[in-house]
């Protein structure tokens, strides 16, 4: 009622401003949505016909052959399981470790918080490089294990600072009151801090999940020779590479025949849809927290 009254009483300038806003947002929607629809249309179009070009937002000759080719790869199912597993475990453990460290750094009575903060910040600007990191992983006996996907990314300095900034915006009196009631640090963290940090935790969870889901280079470096531990993205990368080279896989004659009937462009688009779709499905459930999580300091008591 209030909103309709406001719209009715809007001045000419305000109505013009709203119209311009709608037009600009409509343009942004088209610019954002068109590339995805184009990729989807090409992935659902016949490969031979795709070479002719002219596919925009609707497939000219509909087919699922591109997806059949991808999912005909026997290692894809195993890779899908590993990707799901690393995404779920990596996200959960990353959230727990980052939020616990952020809570610790937010405590004024933690004497070393400045030193730890500076130490963490340094990791955002300096790294050891690929070879030293590889040697470190080897010495930690993480090569050829599932732990290589989870343990190195347990704590991210950026995630810690984002969560800590959010916690700093919470009234410290809440923690003091809980302490007077006999709560220890873990109870305060679990029953007070975590529930109030849902927006920022959902945002960080999305960052972590997308990073874990899309990651394939660590598989290439550390687990490329372990078929039971390769991820979906790594297997898709191998399929794309084989398609680009026009070569058949030595251990899959049927797949080789299928590969001869598809184009690299169609396979590339189908792979893009396969790796993007799970994140698109998850995003709407986290979207309501996303804005609040990124708008640090906008804490509602």
C-alpha atoms as a PDB file:
ATOM      1  CA  UNK A   1       0.000   0.000   0.000  1.00  0.00           C
ATOM      2  CA  UNK A   2       2.798   2.346   0.925  1.00  0.00           C
ATOM      3  CA  UNK A   3       4.757   1.471  -2.184  1.00  0.00           C
ATOM      4  CA  UNK A   4       1.728   2.016  -4.477  1.00  0.00           C
ATOM      5  CA  UNK A   5       1.075   5.389  -2.810  1.00  0.00           C
ATOM      6  CA  UNK A   6       4.698   6.367  -3.318  1.00  0.00           C
ATOM      7  CA  UNK A   7       4.521   5.353  -6.985  1.00  0.00           C
ATOM      8  CA  UNK A   8       1.318   7.352  -7.439  1.00  0.00           C
ATOM      9  CA  UNK A   9       2.860  10.462  -5.876  1.00  0.00           C
ATOM     10  CA  UNK A  10       6.154  10.157  -7.745  1.00  0.00           C
ATOM     11  CA  UNK A  11       7.261  13.240  -9.601  1.00  0.00           C
ATOM     12  CA  UNK A  12       7.933  13.284 -13.317  1.00  0.00           C
ATOM     13  CA  UNK A  13      11.664  13.240 -12.660  1.00  0.00           C
ATOM     14  CA  UNK A  14      11.363  10.181 -10.404  1.00  0.00           C
ATOM     15  CA  UNK A  15       9.269   8.302 -12.965  1.00  0.00           C
ATOM     16  CA  UNK A  16      11.793   9.140 -15.698  1.00  0.00           C
ATOM     17  CA  UNK A  17      14.579   7.918 -13.448  1.00  0.00           C
ATOM     18  CA  UNK A  18      12.709   4.639 -12.858  1.00  0.00           C
ATOM     19  CA  UNK A  19      12.115   4.122 -16.589  1.00  0.00           C
ATOM     20  CA  UNK A  20      15.798   4.698 -17.370  1.00  0.00           C
ATOM     21  CA  UNK A  21      16.732   2.283 -14.599  1.00  0.00           C
ATOM     22  CA  UNK A  22      14.426  -0.411 -15.997  1.00  0.00           C
ATOM     23  CA  UNK A  23      15.841   0.058 -19.488  1.00  0.00           C
ATOM     24  CA  UNK A  24      19.450  -0.140 -18.275  1.00  0.00           C
ATOM     25  CA  UNK A  25      18.735  -3.188 -16.116  1.00  0.00           C
ATOM     26  CA  UNK A  26      16.959  -4.827 -19.057  1.00  0.00           C
ATOM     27  CA  UNK A  27      20.035  -4.255 -21.216  1.00  0.00           C
ATOM     28  CA  UNK A  28      22.281  -5.699 -18.515  1.00  0.00           C
ATOM     29  CA  UNK A  29      19.962  -8.731 -18.286  1.00  0.00           C
ATOM     30  CA  UNK A  30      20.148  -9.332 -22.039  1.00  0.00           C
ATOM     31  CA  UNK A  31      23.929  -8.875 -22.147  1.00  0.00           C
ATOM     32  CA  UNK A  32      24.356 -11.269 -19.208  1.00  0.00           C
ATOM     33  CA  UNK A  33      21.840 -13.896 -20.283  1.00  0.00           C
ATOM     34  CA  UNK A  34      22.561 -14.058 -24.012  1.00  0.00           C
ATOM     35  CA  UNK A  35      26.024 -15.712 -23.818  1.00  0.00           C
ATOM     36  CA  UNK A  36      24.676 -18.481 -21.579  1.00  0.00           C
ATOM     37  CA  UNK A  37      21.660 -19.115 -23.848  1.00  0.00           C
ATOM     38  CA  UNK A  38      23.974 -19.146 -26.856  1.00  0.00           C
ATOM     39  CA  UNK A  39      26.253 -21.732 -25.230  1.00  0.00           C
ATOM     40  CA  UNK A  40      23.218 -23.852 -24.288  1.00  0.00           C
ATOM     41  CA  UNK A  41      21.815 -23.666 -27.820  1.00  0.00           C
ATOM     42  CA  UNK A  42      25.101 -24.713 -29.440  1.00  0.00           C
ATOM     43  CA  UNK A  43      25.509 -27.581 -26.959  1.00  0.00           C
ATOM     44  CA  UNK A  44      22.044 -28.876 -27.967  1.00  0.00           C
ATOM     45  CA  UNK A  45      22.592 -28.455 -31.708  1.00  0.00           C
ATOM     46  CA  UNK A  46      23.901 -31.003 -34.177  1.00  0.00           C
ATOM     47  CA  UNK A  47      27.679 -30.684 -34.469  1.00  0.00           C
ATOM     48  CA  UNK A  48      27.748 -30.752 -38.266  1.00  0.00           C
ATOM     49  CA  UNK A  49      25.093 -28.080 -38.447  1.00  0.00           C
ATOM     50  CA  UNK A  50      26.881 -25.970 -35.821  1.00  0.00           C
ATOM     51  CA  UNK A  51      29.861 -25.557 -38.168  1.00  0.00           C
ATOM     52  CA  UNK A  52      27.601 -23.544 -40.503  1.00  0.00           C
ATOM     53  CA  UNK A  53      27.213 -20.938 -37.756  1.00  0.00           C
ATOM     54  CA  UNK A  54      24.161 -18.800 -37.154  1.00  0.00           C
ATOM     55  CA  UNK A  55      23.131 -20.446 -33.848  1.00  0.00           C
ATOM     56  CA  UNK A  56      21.944 -17.820 -31.402  1.00  0.00           C
ATOM     57  CA  UNK A  57      19.541 -18.690 -28.569  1.00  0.00           C
ATOM     58  CA  UNK A  58      17.737 -21.687 -30.038  1.00  0.00           C
ATOM     59  CA  UNK A  59      19.200 -24.918 -31.494  1.00  0.00           C
ATOM     60  CA  UNK A  60      18.511 -25.307 -35.229  1.00  0.00           C
ATOM     61  CA  UNK A  61      18.827 -29.126 -35.233  1.00  0.00           C
ATOM     62  CA  UNK A  62      18.182 -30.358 -31.721  1.00  0.00           C
ATOM     63  CA  UNK A  63      20.263 -33.300 -30.490  1.00  0.00           C
ATOM     64  CA  UNK A  64      21.622 -34.697 -27.234  1.00  0.00           C
ATOM     65  CA  UNK A  65      24.534 -36.377 -29.009  1.00  0.00           C
ATOM     66  CA  UNK A  66      27.085 -33.932 -27.542  1.00  0.00           C
ATOM     67  CA  UNK A  67      26.012 -34.807 -23.996  1.00  0.00           C
ATOM     68  CA  UNK A  68      25.879 -38.539 -24.818  1.00  0.00           C
ATOM     69  CA  UNK A  69      29.463 -38.292 -26.016  1.00  0.00           C
ATOM     70  CA  UNK A  70      30.574 -36.635 -22.795  1.00  0.00           C
ATOM     71  CA  UNK A  71      28.736 -38.971 -20.447  1.00  0.00           C
ATOM     72  CA  UNK A  72      29.838 -41.992 -22.504  1.00  0.00           C
ATOM     73  CA  UNK A  73      33.247 -41.520 -20.970  1.00  0.00           C
ATOM     74  CA  UNK A  74      33.458 -44.163 -18.244  1.00  0.00           C
ATOM     75  CA  UNK A  75      35.681 -42.164 -15.898  1.00  0.00           C
ATOM     76  CA  UNK A  76      33.247 -39.257 -15.890  1.00  0.00           C
ATOM     77  CA  UNK A  77      30.947 -40.775 -13.260  1.00  0.00           C
ATOM     78  CA  UNK A  78      33.874 -41.454 -10.930  1.00  0.00           C
ATOM     79  CA  UNK A  79      35.145 -37.923 -11.538  1.00  0.00           C
ATOM     80  CA  UNK A  80      31.693 -36.540 -10.769  1.00  0.00           C
ATOM     81  CA  UNK A  81      31.659 -38.368  -7.401  1.00  0.00           C
ATOM     82  CA  UNK A  82      35.095 -37.023  -6.481  1.00  0.00           C
ATOM     83  CA  UNK A  83      34.119 -33.469  -7.493  1.00  0.00           C
ATOM     84  CA  UNK A  84      30.958 -33.627  -5.380  1.00  0.00           C
ATOM     85  CA  UNK A  85      32.901 -35.075  -2.449  1.00  0.00           C
ATOM     86  CA  UNK A  86      35.689 -32.487  -2.570  1.00  0.00           C
ATOM     87  CA  UNK A  87      33.201 -29.659  -2.971  1.00  0.00           C
ATOM     88  CA  UNK A  88      31.130 -30.699   0.052  1.00  0.00           C
ATOM     89  CA  UNK A  89      34.042 -31.611   2.340  1.00  0.00           C
ATOM     90  CA  UNK A  90      36.266 -28.763   1.205  1.00  0.00           C
ATOM     91  CA  UNK A  91      33.507 -26.202   1.676  1.00  0.00           C
ATOM     92  CA  UNK A  92      32.501 -27.452   5.133  1.00  0.00           C
ATOM     93  CA  UNK A  93      36.048 -27.718   6.461  1.00  0.00           C
ATOM     94  CA  UNK A  94      37.029 -24.396   4.879  1.00  0.00           C
ATOM     95  CA  UNK A  95      34.072 -22.674   6.505  1.00  0.00           C
ATOM     96  CA  UNK A  96      34.768 -24.163   9.926  1.00  0.00           C
ATOM     97  CA  UNK A  97      38.498 -23.415   9.926  1.00  0.00           C
ATOM     98  CA  UNK A  98      38.141 -19.902   8.481  1.00  0.00           C
ATOM     99  CA  UNK A  99      35.303 -18.903  10.827  1.00  0.00           C
ATOM    100  CA  UNK A 100      37.107 -20.263  13.909  1.00  0.00           C
ATOM    101  CA  UNK A 101      40.267 -18.344  13.027  1.00  0.00           C
ATOM    102  CA  UNK A 102      38.255 -15.213  12.220  1.00  0.00           C
ATOM    103  CA  UNK A 103      36.476 -15.431  15.580  1.00  0.00           C
ATOM    104  CA  UNK A 104      39.800 -15.807  17.362  1.00  0.00           C
ATOM    105  CA  UNK A 105      41.282 -12.790  15.561  1.00  0.00           C
ATOM    106  CA  UNK A 106      38.221 -10.704  16.391  1.00  0.00           C
ATOM    107  CA  UNK A 107      38.731 -11.178  20.115  1.00  0.00           C
ATOM    108  CA  UNK A 108      40.333  -8.093  21.741  1.00  0.00           C
ATOM    109  CA  UNK A 109      41.865 -10.312  24.450  1.00  0.00           C
ATOM    110  CA  UNK A 110      43.840 -12.356  21.900  1.00  0.00           C
ATOM    111  CA  UNK A 111      47.302 -10.822  22.317  1.00  0.00           C
ATOM    112  CA  UNK A 112      48.848 -12.197  19.096  1.00  0.00           C
ATOM    113  CA  UNK A 113      46.048 -11.187  16.795  1.00  0.00           C
ATOM    114  CA  UNK A 114      48.063  -8.366  15.153  1.00  0.00           C
ATOM    115  CA  UNK A 115      50.999 -10.711  14.430  1.00  0.00           C
ATOM    116  CA  UNK A 116      48.723 -13.456  13.091  1.00  0.00           C
ATOM    117  CA  UNK A 117      46.792 -10.926  10.982  1.00  0.00           C
ATOM    118  CA  UNK A 118      49.996  -9.570   9.418  1.00  0.00           C
ATOM    119  CA  UNK A 119      51.247 -13.110   8.818  1.00  0.00           C
ATOM    120  CA  UNK A 120      47.973 -14.000   7.098  1.00  0.00           C
ATOM    121  CA  UNK A 121      47.993 -10.815   5.023  1.00  0.00           C
ATOM    122  CA  UNK A 122      51.473 -11.645   3.734  1.00  0.00           C
ATOM    123  CA  UNK A 123      50.170 -14.871   2.227  1.00  0.00           C
ATOM    124  CA  UNK A 124      47.867 -12.791   0.034  1.00  0.00           C
ATOM    125  CA  UNK A 125      50.843 -11.102  -1.649  1.00  0.00           C
ATOM    126  CA  UNK A 126      53.609 -13.692  -1.560  1.00  0.00           C
ATOM    127  CA  UNK A 127      53.651 -17.391  -2.405  1.00  0.00           C
ATOM    128  CA  UNK A 128      56.355 -20.001  -2.629  1.00  0.00           C
ATOM    129  CA  UNK A 129      55.676 -20.846  -6.274  1.00  0.00           C
ATOM    130  CA  UNK A 130      54.630 -24.048  -7.950  1.00  0.00           C
ATOM    131  CA  UNK A 131      57.786 -26.105  -7.427  1.00  0.00           C
ATOM    132  CA  UNK A 132      58.232 -25.385  -3.681  1.00  0.00           C
ATOM    133  CA  UNK A 133      54.537 -26.059  -3.124  1.00  0.00           C
ATOM    134  CA  UNK A 134      54.809 -29.347  -4.990  1.00  0.00           C
ATOM    135  CA  UNK A 135      57.831 -30.360  -2.894  1.00  0.00           C
ATOM    136  CA  UNK A 136      55.953 -29.400   0.272  1.00  0.00           C
ATOM    137  CA  UNK A 137      52.945 -31.527  -0.726  1.00  0.00           C
ATOM    138  CA  UNK A 138      55.272 -34.414  -1.520  1.00  0.00           C
ATOM    139  CA  UNK A 139      57.029 -34.157   1.848  1.00  0.00           C
ATOM    140  CA  UNK A 140      53.644 -34.060   3.584  1.00  0.00           C
ATOM    141  CA  UNK A 141      52.789 -37.310   1.748  1.00  0.00           C
ATOM    142  CA  UNK A 142      49.688 -35.753   0.209  1.00  0.00           C
ATOM    143  CA  UNK A 143      50.481 -36.718  -3.401  1.00  0.00           C
ATOM    144  CA  UNK A 144      48.024 -39.284  -4.699  1.00  0.00           C
ATOM    145  CA  UNK A 145      45.574 -38.734  -1.834  1.00  0.00           C
ATOM    146  CA  UNK A 146      42.171 -37.110  -1.482  1.00  0.00           C
ATOM    147  CA  UNK A 147      43.555 -34.822   1.225  1.00  0.00           C
ATOM    148  CA  UNK A 148      45.431 -32.783  -1.390  1.00  0.00           C
ATOM    149  CA  UNK A 149      42.076 -31.338  -2.465  1.00  0.00           C
ATOM    150  CA  UNK A 150      41.053 -30.213   1.012  1.00  0.00           C
ATOM    151  CA  UNK A 151      43.971 -29.599   3.370  1.00  0.00           C
ATOM    152  CA  UNK A 152      45.990 -26.933   1.449  1.00  0.00           C
ATOM    153  CA  UNK A 153      42.892 -24.714   1.140  1.00  0.00           C
ATOM    154  CA  UNK A 154      41.585 -25.030   4.675  1.00  0.00           C
ATOM    155  CA  UNK A 155      42.441 -21.430   5.539  1.00  0.00           C
ATOM    156  CA  UNK A 156      42.247 -18.569   3.069  1.00  0.00           C
ATOM    157  CA  UNK A 157      43.431 -15.173   4.306  1.00  0.00           C
ATOM    158  CA  UNK A 158      40.803 -13.360   2.234  1.00  0.00           C
ATOM    159  CA  UNK A 159      37.962 -15.469   3.645  1.00  0.00           C
ATOM    160  CA  UNK A 160      39.249 -15.039   7.201  1.00  0.00           C
ATOM    161  CA  UNK A 161      39.392 -11.253   6.867  1.00  0.00           C
ATOM    162  CA  UNK A 162      35.909 -11.056   5.356  1.00  0.00           C
ATOM    163  CA  UNK A 163      34.401 -13.123   8.191  1.00  0.00           C
ATOM    164  CA  UNK A 164      36.409 -11.252  10.811  1.00  0.00           C
ATOM    165  CA  UNK A 165      35.153  -7.904   9.494  1.00  0.00           C
ATOM    166  CA  UNK A 166      31.607  -9.171   9.816  1.00  0.00           C
ATOM    167  CA  UNK A 167      32.193 -10.407  13.372  1.00  0.00           C
ATOM    168  CA  UNK A 168      33.779  -7.056  14.297  1.00  0.00           C
ATOM    169  CA  UNK A 169      30.446  -5.450  13.419  1.00  0.00           C
ATOM    170  CA  UNK A 170      28.585  -7.557  15.967  1.00  0.00           C
ATOM    171  CA  UNK A 171      28.058  -6.064  19.452  1.00  0.00           C
ATOM    172  CA  UNK A 172      30.816  -7.378  21.722  1.00  0.00           C
ATOM    173  CA  UNK A 173      28.359  -7.105  24.617  1.00  0.00           C
ATOM    174  CA  UNK A 174      26.755 -10.318  23.359  1.00  0.00           C
ATOM    175  CA  UNK A 175      29.957 -12.246  24.081  1.00  0.00           C
ATOM    176  CA  UNK A 176      30.424 -10.538  27.447  1.00  0.00           C
ATOM    177  CA  UNK A 177      26.855 -11.377  28.479  1.00  0.00           C
ATOM    178  CA  UNK A 178      27.318 -14.987  27.452  1.00  0.00           C
ATOM    179  CA  UNK A 179      30.529 -15.188  29.491  1.00  0.00           C
ATOM    180  CA  UNK A 180      28.747 -13.833  32.549  1.00  0.00           C
ATOM    181  CA  UNK A 181      26.211 -16.646  32.069  1.00  0.00           C
ATOM    182  CA  UNK A 182      29.039 -19.174  32.156  1.00  0.00           C
ATOM    183  CA  UNK A 183      29.499 -19.861  28.439  1.00  0.00           C
ATOM    184  CA  UNK A 184      32.992 -20.800  27.289  1.00  0.00           C
ATOM    185  CA  UNK A 185      34.620 -19.667  24.024  1.00  0.00           C
ATOM    186  CA  UNK A 186      33.429 -22.650  22.026  1.00  0.00           C
ATOM    187  CA  UNK A 187      29.810 -22.182  23.162  1.00  0.00           C
ATOM    188  CA  UNK A 188      29.986 -18.474  22.255  1.00  0.00           C
ATOM    189  CA  UNK A 189      31.410 -19.338  18.838  1.00  0.00           C
ATOM    190  CA  UNK A 190      28.907 -22.110  18.127  1.00  0.00           C
ATOM    191  CA  UNK A 191      25.686 -20.693  19.621  1.00  0.00           C
ATOM    192  CA  UNK A 192      26.142 -16.933  19.209  1.00  0.00           C
ATOM    193  CA  UNK A 193      28.683 -16.085  16.524  1.00  0.00           C
ATOM    194  CA  UNK A 194      27.815 -18.689  13.895  1.00  0.00           C
ATOM    195  CA  UNK A 195      24.028 -18.018  13.846  1.00  0.00           C
ATOM    196  CA  UNK A 196      24.639 -14.274  13.501  1.00  0.00           C
ATOM    197  CA  UNK A 197      27.164 -14.830  10.702  1.00  0.00           C
ATOM    198  CA  UNK A 198      24.831 -16.712   8.355  1.00  0.00           C
ATOM    199  CA  UNK A 199      25.000 -14.094   5.547  1.00  0.00           C
ATOM    200  CA  UNK A 200      28.793 -13.933   5.407  1.00  0.00           C
ATOM    201  CA  UNK A 201      29.143 -17.698   5.890  1.00  0.00           C
ATOM    202  CA  UNK A 202      26.763 -18.322   2.985  1.00  0.00           C
ATOM    203  CA  UNK A 203      28.816 -15.945   0.836  1.00  0.00           C
ATOM    204  CA  UNK A 204      32.110 -17.599   1.739  1.00  0.00           C
ATOM    205  CA  UNK A 205      30.518 -21.026   1.239  1.00  0.00           C
ATOM    206  CA  UNK A 206      29.637 -20.010  -2.302  1.00  0.00           C
ATOM    207  CA  UNK A 207      33.200 -18.813  -2.945  1.00  0.00           C
ATOM    208  CA  UNK A 208      34.641 -22.048  -1.584  1.00  0.00           C
ATOM    209  CA  UNK A 209      32.178 -24.292  -3.403  1.00  0.00           C
ATOM    210  CA  UNK A 210      32.758 -22.603  -6.762  1.00  0.00           C
ATOM    211  CA  UNK A 211      36.524 -22.789  -6.269  1.00  0.00           C
ATOM    212  CA  UNK A 212      36.445 -26.460  -5.324  1.00  0.00           C
ATOM    213  CA  UNK A 213      34.016 -27.380  -8.096  1.00  0.00           C
ATOM    214  CA  UNK A 214      35.931 -25.628 -10.882  1.00  0.00           C
ATOM    215  CA  UNK A 215      39.400 -26.649  -9.776  1.00  0.00           C
ATOM    216  CA  UNK A 216      41.235 -29.095 -12.043  1.00  0.00           C
ATOM    217  CA  UNK A 217      44.885 -27.982 -12.079  1.00  0.00           C
ATOM    218  CA  UNK A 218      45.665 -29.537  -8.690  1.00  0.00           C
ATOM    219  CA  UNK A 219      44.332 -32.837 -10.036  1.00  0.00           C
ATOM    220  CA  UNK A 220      46.624 -32.473 -13.036  1.00  0.00           C
ATOM    221  CA  UNK A 221      49.635 -31.790 -10.799  1.00  0.00           C
ATOM    222  CA  UNK A 222      49.107 -34.202  -7.927  1.00  0.00           C
ATOM    223  CA  UNK A 223      46.582 -36.910  -8.861  1.00  0.00           C
ATOM    224  CA  UNK A 224      46.754 -37.150 -12.659  1.00  0.00           C
ATOM    225  CA  UNK A 225      48.026 -40.734 -12.466  1.00  0.00           C
ATOM    226  CA  UNK A 226      45.321 -41.846  -9.994  1.00  0.00           C
ATOM    227  CA  UNK A 227      42.139 -42.552 -12.021  1.00  0.00           C
ATOM    228  CA  UNK A 228      40.163 -43.163  -8.814  1.00  0.00           C
ATOM    229  CA  UNK A 229      40.900 -39.612  -7.591  1.00  0.00           C
ATOM    230  CA  UNK A 230      40.558 -37.537 -10.732  1.00  0.00           C
ATOM    231  CA  UNK A 231      37.828 -34.906 -10.756  1.00  0.00           C
ATOM    232  CA  UNK A 232      35.045 -34.172 -13.214  1.00  0.00           C
ATOM    233  CA  UNK A 233      36.725 -31.032 -14.509  1.00  0.00           C
ATOM    234  CA  UNK A 234      39.980 -32.891 -15.146  1.00  0.00           C
ATOM    235  CA  UNK A 235      38.180 -35.628 -17.075  1.00  0.00           C
ATOM    236  CA  UNK A 236      36.249 -33.039 -19.087  1.00  0.00           C
ATOM    237  CA  UNK A 237      39.503 -31.269 -19.838  1.00  0.00           C
ATOM    238  CA  UNK A 238      40.916 -34.553 -21.201  1.00  0.00           C
ATOM    239  CA  UNK A 239      37.831 -35.066 -23.379  1.00  0.00           C
ATOM    240  CA  UNK A 240      38.098 -31.534 -24.731  1.00  0.00           C
ATOM    241  CA  UNK A 241      41.784 -31.992 -25.390  1.00  0.00           C
ATOM    242  CA  UNK A 242      41.142 -35.254 -27.249  1.00  0.00           C
ATOM    243  CA  UNK A 243      38.387 -33.625 -29.298  1.00  0.00           C
ATOM    244  CA  UNK A 244      40.586 -30.681 -30.195  1.00  0.00           C
ATOM    245  CA  UNK A 245      43.357 -32.961 -31.345  1.00  0.00           C
ATOM    246  CA  UNK A 246      40.900 -35.103 -33.336  1.00  0.00           C
ATOM    247  CA  UNK A 247      42.462 -38.176 -31.825  1.00  0.00           C
ATOM    248  CA  UNK A 248      40.721 -41.270 -30.502  1.00  0.00           C
ATOM    249  CA  UNK A 249      41.207 -42.559 -27.005  1.00  0.00           C
ATOM    250  CA  UNK A 250      43.078 -45.790 -26.997  1.00  0.00           C
ATOM    251  CA  UNK A 251      40.914 -47.491 -24.407  1.00  0.00           C
ATOM    252  CA  UNK A 252      37.454 -46.582 -25.740  1.00  0.00           C
ATOM    253  CA  UNK A 253      36.706 -47.453 -29.350  1.00  0.00           C
ATOM    254  CA  UNK A 254      33.016 -46.602 -29.081  1.00  0.00           C
ATOM    255  CA  UNK A 255      33.876 -43.230 -27.682  1.00  0.00           C
ATOM    256  CA  UNK A 256      36.331 -42.714 -30.499  1.00  0.00           C
ATOM    257  CA  UNK A 257      33.566 -43.294 -33.044  1.00  0.00           C
ATOM    258  CA  UNK A 258      31.361 -40.838 -31.204  1.00  0.00           C
ATOM    259  CA  UNK A 259      34.121 -38.274 -31.125  1.00  0.00           C
ATOM    260  CA  UNK A 260      34.345 -38.445 -34.915  1.00  0.00           C
ATOM    261  CA  UNK A 261      30.729 -37.241 -35.137  1.00  0.00           C
ATOM    262  CA  UNK A 262      31.066 -34.197 -32.897  1.00  0.00           C
ATOM    263  CA  UNK A 263      32.928 -30.940 -33.241  1.00  0.00           C
ATOM    264  CA  UNK A 264      35.256 -29.396 -30.646  1.00  0.00           C
ATOM    265  CA  UNK A 265      32.995 -26.358 -30.488  1.00  0.00           C
ATOM    266  CA  UNK A 266      29.915 -28.409 -29.566  1.00  0.00           C
ATOM    267  CA  UNK A 267      31.809 -30.466 -26.988  1.00  0.00           C
ATOM    268  CA  UNK A 268      33.279 -27.298 -25.497  1.00  0.00           C
ATOM    269  CA  UNK A 269      29.825 -25.785 -25.087  1.00  0.00           C
ATOM    270  CA  UNK A 270      28.353 -28.976 -23.624  1.00  0.00           C
ATOM    271  CA  UNK A 271      31.217 -29.167 -21.124  1.00  0.00           C
ATOM    272  CA  UNK A 272      30.604 -25.536 -20.155  1.00  0.00           C
ATOM    273  CA  UNK A 273      26.972 -26.354 -19.378  1.00  0.00           C
ATOM    274  CA  UNK A 274      27.875 -29.491 -17.415  1.00  0.00           C
ATOM    275  CA  UNK A 275      30.331 -27.678 -15.128  1.00  0.00           C
ATOM    276  CA  UNK A 276      28.166 -24.571 -14.733  1.00  0.00           C
ATOM    277  CA  UNK A 277      24.765 -26.111 -14.063  1.00  0.00           C
ATOM    278  CA  UNK A 278      25.413 -27.424 -10.492  1.00  0.00           C
ATOM    279  CA  UNK A 279      26.558 -23.981  -9.339  1.00  0.00           C
ATOM    280  CA  UNK A 280      23.532 -22.350 -10.973  1.00  0.00           C
ATOM    281  CA  UNK A 281      21.287 -24.760  -9.087  1.00  0.00           C
ATOM    282  CA  UNK A 282      22.928 -23.976  -5.738  1.00  0.00           C
ATOM    283  CA  UNK A 283      23.150 -20.191  -6.189  1.00  0.00           C
ATOM    284  CA  UNK A 284      19.412 -19.325  -5.732  1.00  0.00           C
ATOM    285  CA  UNK A 285      19.451 -20.948  -2.284  1.00  0.00           C
ATOM    286  CA  UNK A 286      22.348 -18.721  -1.184  1.00  0.00           C
ATOM    287  CA  UNK A 287      21.371 -15.568  -3.067  1.00  0.00           C
ATOM    288  CA  UNK A 288      19.276 -14.143  -0.208  1.00  0.00           C
ATOM    289  CA  UNK A 289      22.372 -14.190   2.031  1.00  0.00           C
ATOM    290  CA  UNK A 290      24.784 -13.037  -0.667  1.00  0.00           C
ATOM    291  CA  UNK A 291      24.018  -9.309  -0.589  1.00  0.00           C
ATOM    292  CA  UNK A 292      24.040  -9.203   3.221  1.00  0.00           C
ATOM    293  CA  UNK A 293      27.304 -11.126   3.341  1.00  0.00           C
ATOM    294  CA  UNK A 294      29.062  -8.783   0.961  1.00  0.00           C
ATOM    295  CA  UNK A 295      27.693  -5.641   2.635  1.00  0.00           C
ATOM    296  CA  UNK A 296      29.902  -5.746   5.686  1.00  0.00           C
ATOM    297  CA  UNK A 297      28.820  -3.681   8.614  1.00  0.00           C
ATOM    298  CA  UNK A 298      25.140  -3.716   7.694  1.00  0.00           C
ATOM    299  CA  UNK A 299      24.297  -5.792  10.747  1.00  0.00           C
ATOM    300  CA  UNK A 300      20.730  -5.925  11.926  1.00  0.00           C
ATOM    301  CA  UNK A 301      20.529  -6.255  15.674  1.00  0.00           C
END
